[in-house]
Amino acid sequence: MKKSLLMLGLCALLSLSTSAFAGVLCTTIACLAPNDNVNWGAQGYGPPGTSLSTPQTWNSTLGLYDGYVGVVGPTNFTLMQQSVNWNGNFDPGDYLIWNQDINNFAGNAGQIRLLFTSGLPVYDAGAAIQADLYGPFVATICAYGNSHSECWSENGVSNLNGDSSAIIIGVKETWQITTLDFTVIDINGNNDLAINTLYLSSVPEPGTIMLFGSGVLGLAGMLRRKINL
């Protein structure tokens, strides 16, 4: 009887530990609670419209994080700026990473990929995102780290209003993120997108950690009671 109860408790703990690795989709900057960000216009990439080869290094504003950015696939990417050479719905003046080569537009380019290589560990990350083609689109963010990977999607609408209505898509994880991918599928099935400032945090997602902790405490209490019988 004791053995069967112990096995039941271990199974319950395993279930809780599995759910503890599940992240959270963030659709606001407040959800990400960033302690730093990456301003693409402060990276020395050149003026808006500069075509860039993969990869390029980046450093966060406060110097807490650094890494690489690029596009997966056989194309360069371009530094853009809302209301200067990008007519979208980001904040006016925002610097953007566009997954196309402005000098050789290919269409349907690969995803924008971020690598986090040093500095504080990244647990939360996200940015505003827009499809290049106006109209509805589906944005997807995928986070990877060690043996973990998770993806989330969010619906958005792309327009030229310059009214800060670009959707935010981000993730909060309990495990350290080492790679982050941004993609969109627009009404023509393309993967043509831009992201603005990248927001980062080194604080793990708290809710699932509390769930895991409560599971451990519950199992410990059950075992203690069985030992006293």
Protein backbone atom coordinates (compact mmCIF):
# COMPACT_ATOMS: atom_id res chain seq x y z
CA MET A 1 0.00 0.00 0.00
CA LYS A 2 2.77 2.42 0.93
CA LYS A 3 4.62 1.59 -2.28
CA SER A 4 1.55 2.23 -4.44
CA LEU A 5 0.91 5.57 -2.73
CA LEU A 6 4.53 6.54 -3.23
CA MET A 7 4.29 5.72 -6.95
CA LEU A 8 1.06 7.73 -7.18
CA GLY A 9 2.77 10.68 -5.53
CA LEU A 10 5.75 10.48 -7.86
CA CYS A 11 3.44 10.36 -10.88
CA ALA A 12 1.65 13.46 -9.62
CA LEU A 13 4.97 15.23 -9.13
CA LEU A 14 6.06 14.29 -12.63
CA SER A 15 2.84 15.76 -14.01
CA LEU A 16 3.42 18.99 -12.12
CA SER A 17 7.05 19.22 -13.17
CA THR A 18 6.03 18.79 -16.81
CA SER A 19 3.50 21.63 -16.55
CA ALA A 20 6.10 23.74 -14.77
CA PHE A 21 8.07 23.91 -18.01
CA ALA A 22 5.12 25.46 -19.89
CA GLY A 23 5.59 29.12 -20.72
CA VAL A 24 3.18 32.02 -21.12
CA LEU A 25 2.30 34.01 -24.24
CA CYS A 26 2.69 37.76 -23.67
CA THR A 27 0.74 40.27 -25.76
CA THR A 28 1.81 43.38 -23.83
CA ILE A 29 5.15 44.85 -22.80
CA ALA A 30 3.91 44.93 -19.20
CA CYS A 31 3.54 41.14 -19.29
CA LEU A 32 7.20 40.81 -20.26
CA ALA A 33 8.27 43.15 -17.41
CA PRO A 34 11.54 43.93 -19.24
CA ASN A 35 14.68 45.08 -17.49
CA ASP A 36 16.44 45.93 -20.78
CA ASN A 37 15.81 46.24 -24.51
CA VAL A 38 17.54 46.14 -27.87
CA ASN A 39 17.20 49.31 -29.95
CA TRP A 40 18.06 48.33 -33.53
CA GLY A 41 18.93 51.94 -34.38
CA ALA A 42 21.71 52.00 -31.76
CA GLN A 43 23.65 49.01 -33.11
CA GLY A 44 25.81 50.83 -35.66
CA TYR A 45 24.11 49.10 -38.58
CA GLY A 46 23.93 52.32 -40.60
CA PRO A 47 21.02 54.52 -41.68
CA PRO A 48 17.54 53.16 -42.38
CA GLY A 49 17.59 51.15 -45.58
CA THR A 50 20.97 49.53 -44.90
CA SER A 51 21.08 45.92 -46.11
CA LEU A 52 22.76 43.56 -43.64
CA SER A 53 24.16 40.06 -43.94
CA THR A 54 23.46 37.32 -41.39
CA PRO A 55 24.54 37.36 -38.63
CA GLN A 56 24.95 40.77 -37.01
CA THR A 57 25.90 41.31 -33.38
CA TRP A 58 23.73 43.34 -31.02
CA ASN A 59 24.02 44.77 -27.51
CA SER A 60 21.16 45.74 -25.24
CA THR A 61 20.67 49.34 -24.16
CA LEU A 62 21.88 48.78 -20.57
CA GLY A 63 24.49 46.22 -21.56
CA LEU A 64 22.80 43.34 -19.71
CA TYR A 65 22.48 41.12 -22.80
CA ASP A 66 24.10 40.57 -26.18
CA GLY A 67 23.93 38.17 -29.06
CA TYR A 68 23.29 37.84 -32.80
CA VAL A 69 20.43 38.61 -35.17
CA GLY A 70 19.79 37.41 -38.70
CA VAL A 71 17.41 35.79 -41.14
CA VAL A 72 17.25 32.06 -41.67
CA GLY A 73 17.58 31.49 -45.41
CA PRO A 74 19.47 32.81 -48.42
CA THR A 75 18.75 36.52 -48.06
CA ASN A 76 20.09 39.59 -46.32
CA PHE A 77 17.91 41.65 -43.99
CA THR A 78 17.37 45.39 -43.72
CA LEU A 79 17.30 48.07 -41.04
CA MET A 80 14.10 50.08 -41.44
CA GLN A 81 12.44 52.95 -39.56
CA GLN A 82 8.73 53.54 -39.09
CA SER A 83 7.49 56.68 -40.89
CA VAL A 84 10.87 57.08 -42.65
CA ASN A 85 11.11 54.13 -45.04
CA TRP A 86 8.50 51.83 -43.45
CA ASN A 87 4.81 52.74 -43.70
CA GLY A 88 3.36 50.44 -41.07
CA ASN A 89 1.65 50.60 -37.69
CA PHE A 90 4.62 50.66 -35.33
CA ASP A 91 5.45 53.65 -33.12
CA PRO A 92 6.63 56.54 -35.33
CA GLY A 93 10.43 56.59 -35.37
CA ASP A 94 10.85 52.96 -34.27
CA TYR A 95 13.84 51.19 -35.79
CA LEU A 96 12.95 47.82 -37.26
CA ILE A 97 14.49 44.59 -38.48
CA TRP A 98 12.90 43.54 -41.80
CA ASN A 99 13.52 40.02 -43.06
CA GLN A 100 14.07 41.17 -46.65
CA ASP A 101 16.99 42.57 -48.62
CA ILE A 102 15.85 46.01 -49.72
CA ASN A 103 18.27 45.81 -52.67
CA ASN A 104 17.09 42.37 -53.80
CA PHE A 105 13.55 41.68 -52.58
CA ALA A 106 12.98 37.93 -52.59
CA GLY A 107 9.64 37.53 -50.80
CA ASN A 108 8.82 34.66 -48.48
CA ALA A 109 12.18 34.97 -46.70
CA GLY A 110 13.07 32.99 -43.61
CA GLN A 111 12.26 33.83 -40.02
CA ILE A 112 14.02 36.49 -37.99
CA ARG A 113 16.23 34.67 -35.49
CA LEU A 114 17.78 36.02 -32.29
CA LEU A 115 20.61 34.25 -30.46
CA PHE A 116 21.40 35.11 -26.83
CA THR A 117 25.08 34.41 -26.26
CA SER A 118 26.21 36.13 -23.07
CA GLY A 119 25.15 38.45 -20.29
CA LEU A 120 22.24 37.66 -18.01
CA PRO A 121 20.11 34.60 -18.83
CA VAL A 122 17.00 35.44 -20.89
CA TYR A 123 13.67 34.07 -19.66
CA ASP A 124 11.25 36.65 -21.14
CA ALA A 125 11.50 38.14 -24.63
CA GLY A 126 9.24 39.79 -27.19
CA ALA A 127 8.66 42.62 -29.64
CA ALA A 128 5.98 44.29 -31.71
CA ILE A 129 5.53 42.58 -35.06
CA GLN A 130 3.89 43.35 -38.40
CA ALA A 131 3.42 41.59 -41.72
CA ASP A 132 4.68 43.63 -44.66
CA LEU A 133 1.49 42.97 -46.63
CA TYR A 134 -1.46 44.97 -45.30
CA GLY A 135 -4.34 42.96 -43.91
CA PRO A 136 -4.77 40.11 -41.41
CA PHE A 137 -1.85 37.87 -40.50
CA VAL A 138 -0.81 35.26 -37.97
CA ALA A 139 2.41 35.89 -36.05
CA THR A 140 4.34 33.09 -34.38
CA ILE A 141 7.14 33.22 -31.83
CA CYS A 142 9.22 30.15 -31.00
CA ALA A 143 11.60 29.91 -28.04
CA TYR A 144 14.36 27.31 -27.71
CA GLY A 145 16.73 26.47 -24.90
CA ASN A 146 18.72 23.32 -24.18
CA SER A 147 16.16 20.51 -24.54
CA HIS A 148 13.14 22.84 -24.42
CA SER A 149 11.12 24.43 -27.21
CA GLU A 150 7.72 26.12 -27.36
CA CYS A 151 5.81 28.15 -29.98
CA TRP A 152 2.83 30.51 -29.69
CA SER A 153 0.75 32.30 -32.31
CA GLU A 154 -1.28 35.51 -32.29
CA ASN A 155 -3.58 37.17 -34.83
CA GLY A 156 -2.83 40.68 -36.01
CA VAL A 157 -3.79 43.24 -38.64
CA SER A 158 -1.17 45.11 -40.64
CA ASN A 159 -1.89 48.67 -41.78
CA LEU A 160 -0.09 51.90 -42.66
CA ASN A 161 -1.55 54.08 -39.91
CA GLY A 162 1.63 54.63 -37.89
CA ASP A 163 -0.56 54.50 -34.80
CA SER A 164 1.31 52.10 -32.47
CA SER A 165 -1.25 49.36 -33.12
CA ALA A 166 1.28 46.69 -34.11
CA ILE A 167 0.67 43.64 -31.93
CA ILE A 168 3.13 42.57 -29.23
CA ILE A 169 4.17 38.94 -29.25
CA GLY A 170 6.44 37.59 -26.52
CA VAL A 171 7.07 34.69 -24.17
CA LYS A 172 7.75 34.12 -20.49
CA GLU A 173 9.59 30.89 -19.72
CA THR A 174 10.74 28.98 -16.65
CA TRP A 175 13.84 27.88 -18.56
CA GLN A 176 16.62 29.91 -20.16
CA ILE A 177 15.95 30.98 -23.76
CA THR A 178 18.94 30.72 -26.07
CA THR A 179 17.21 31.16 -29.46
CA LEU A 180 14.10 33.09 -30.47
CA ASP A 181 12.34 33.00 -33.86
CA PHE A 182 9.73 35.40 -35.27
CA THR A 183 7.56 34.45 -38.27
CA VAL A 184 4.31 35.57 -39.87
CA ILE A 185 1.88 34.11 -42.37
CA ASP A 186 -0.07 36.83 -44.22
CA ILE A 187 -3.12 36.54 -46.46
CA ASN A 188 -0.88 35.52 -49.37
CA GLY A 189 0.98 32.91 -47.32
CA ASN A 190 4.22 34.90 -47.19
CA ASN A 191 6.76 35.18 -44.38
CA ASP A 192 7.53 38.86 -44.91
CA LEU A 193 7.74 40.70 -41.58
CA ALA A 194 9.40 43.28 -39.38
CA ILE A 195 9.91 43.55 -35.63
CA ASN A 196 10.71 46.62 -33.56
CA THR A 197 12.53 47.01 -30.23
CA LEU A 198 13.25 43.69 -28.54
CA TYR A 199 12.30 43.58 -24.83
CA LEU A 200 14.17 41.22 -22.48
CA SER A 201 14.00 40.06 -18.87
CA SER A 202 16.05 37.67 -16.75
CA VAL A 203 13.20 36.80 -14.35
CA PRO A 204 11.67 33.33 -14.87
CA GLU A 205 7.91 33.04 -15.31
CA PRO A 206 6.67 32.83 -11.70
CA GLY A 207 3.30 31.08 -11.80
CA THR A 208 4.49 27.66 -12.93
CA ILE A 209 7.43 27.75 -10.54
CA MET A 210 4.94 28.25 -7.67
CA LEU A 211 2.89 25.36 -9.04
CA PHE A 212 5.93 23.13 -9.09
CA GLY A 213 6.89 24.19 -5.57
CA SER A 214 3.42 23.48 -4.24
CA GLY A 215 3.56 20.03 -5.83
CA VAL A 216 6.84 19.24 -4.12
CA LEU A 217 5.52 20.42 -0.77
CA GLY A 218 2.31 18.44 -1.21
CA LEU A 219 4.21 15.26 -2.01
CA ALA A 220 6.55 15.81 0.94
CA GLY A 221 3.55 16.18 3.26
CA MET A 222 1.95 13.01 1.94
CA LEU A 223 5.14 11.01 2.41
CA ARG A 224 5.58 12.40 5.93
CA ARG A 225 2.08 11.28 6.86
CA LYS A 226 2.72 7.79 5.48
CA ILE A 227 5.95 7.47 7.41
CA ASN A 228 4.11 8.36 10.64
CA LEU A 229 1.52 5.58 10.15
